[in-house]
């Protein structure tokens, strides 16, 4: 497992991941969603504030809000029985 902390910048321009952000619309009160499987996080930076947009289809308005990525976790799985010397 690799956990990025502090002010770390990922070089990935379009960072897709399996999560849905849900928040209450400040205009109509309905739940808005942003699906990160379809709508990416652009250049995620750990520990640095940015702004993100979210759209409410019920009242047809787009909103912007400040956010900060606290950490990014990458889990690498591998089969130890398949590890071999490089070049063989």
Protein backbone atom coordinates (compact mmCIF):
# COMPACT_ATOMS: atom_id res chain seq x y z
CA UNK A 1 0.00 0.00 0.00
CA UNK A 2 1.27 3.48 -0.87
CA UNK A 3 -0.28 6.49 0.85
CA UNK A 4 0.55 9.98 -0.42
CA UNK A 5 0.55 12.63 2.28
CA UNK A 6 1.63 16.25 2.64
CA UNK A 7 1.54 18.43 -0.45
CA UNK A 8 1.89 15.77 -3.11
CA UNK A 9 0.80 16.30 -6.69
CA UNK A 10 -0.34 13.40 -8.84
CA UNK A 11 0.64 13.80 -12.48
CA UNK A 12 -2.57 12.14 -13.64
CA UNK A 13 -4.57 14.72 -15.60
CA UNK A 14 -7.83 12.77 -15.43
CA UNK A 15 -8.07 10.71 -12.26
CA UNK A 16 -11.07 8.34 -12.39
CA UNK A 17 -11.93 6.22 -9.35
CA UNK A 18 -14.81 4.24 -7.91
CA UNK A 19 -16.70 6.79 -5.79
CA UNK A 20 -19.79 8.97 -5.91
CA UNK A 21 -19.87 12.33 -4.14
CA UNK A 22 -23.34 13.21 -2.86
CA UNK A 23 -24.32 16.58 -1.44
CA UNK A 24 -27.46 18.58 -0.82
CA UNK A 25 -28.24 21.26 -3.40
CA UNK A 26 -28.10 24.68 -1.73
CA UNK A 27 -30.87 25.91 -4.05
CA UNK A 28 -33.59 23.20 -4.09
CA UNK A 29 -32.42 20.84 -1.32
CA UNK A 30 -32.35 17.70 -3.49
CA UNK A 31 -29.31 15.41 -3.51
CA UNK A 32 -26.74 16.12 -6.23
CA UNK A 33 -24.21 13.49 -7.31
CA UNK A 34 -20.81 13.52 -8.96
CA UNK A 35 -19.71 10.07 -10.17
CA UNK A 36 -15.92 9.86 -10.38
CA UNK A 37 -16.17 6.75 -12.60
CA UNK A 38 -17.47 9.11 -15.29
CA UNK A 39 -16.52 12.62 -14.14
CA UNK A 40 -12.83 12.72 -13.20
CA UNK A 41 -10.85 14.60 -10.58
CA UNK A 42 -8.40 16.81 -12.47
CA UNK A 43 -4.75 16.78 -11.31
CA UNK A 44 -5.41 15.69 -7.72
CA UNK A 45 -3.09 17.38 -5.22
CA UNK A 46 -2.88 16.13 -1.64
CA UNK A 47 -3.06 18.89 0.94
CA UNK A 48 -3.77 21.80 -1.42
CA UNK A 49 -7.16 23.46 -1.71
CA UNK A 50 -8.95 23.55 -5.06
CA UNK A 51 -12.46 24.09 -6.38
CA UNK A 52 -14.86 21.60 -7.97
CA UNK A 53 -18.13 21.95 -9.86
CA UNK A 54 -21.28 19.93 -9.29
CA UNK A 55 -24.53 20.09 -11.27
CA UNK A 56 -28.08 19.82 -9.95
CA UNK A 57 -30.37 18.37 -12.63
CA UNK A 58 -33.48 19.14 -10.55
CA UNK A 59 -33.04 22.92 -10.60
CA UNK A 60 -30.70 23.03 -13.64
CA UNK A 61 -27.94 24.94 -11.81
CA UNK A 62 -24.21 24.35 -11.45
CA UNK A 63 -22.40 25.03 -8.19
CA UNK A 64 -18.75 25.37 -7.25
CA UNK A 65 -17.28 24.47 -3.88
CA UNK A 66 -13.84 24.36 -2.26
CA UNK A 67 -12.31 20.97 -1.44
CA UNK A 68 -9.03 19.43 -0.35
CA UNK A 69 -7.75 15.90 -1.01
CA UNK A 70 -6.57 14.54 2.35
CA UNK A 71 -4.79 11.48 0.97
CA UNK A 72 -4.56 9.17 -2.02
CA UNK A 73 -4.16 5.46 -1.37
CA UNK A 74 -2.88 3.02 -3.97
CA UNK A 75 -3.03 -0.70 -3.21
CA UNK A 76 -0.90 -2.99 -5.36
CA UNK A 77 -1.71 -6.71 -5.33
CA UNK A 78 0.63 -9.34 -6.68
CA UNK A 79 1.20 -13.09 -6.57
CA UNK A 80 4.45 -13.86 -4.70
CA UNK A 81 4.73 -17.19 -6.53
CA UNK A 82 5.12 -15.35 -9.84
CA UNK A 83 7.98 -13.04 -8.81
CA UNK A 84 11.09 -13.77 -10.89
CA UNK A 85 14.46 -12.25 -11.53
CA UNK A 86 14.42 -9.40 -14.05
CA UNK A 87 15.52 -10.48 -17.51
CA UNK A 88 14.73 -14.17 -17.07
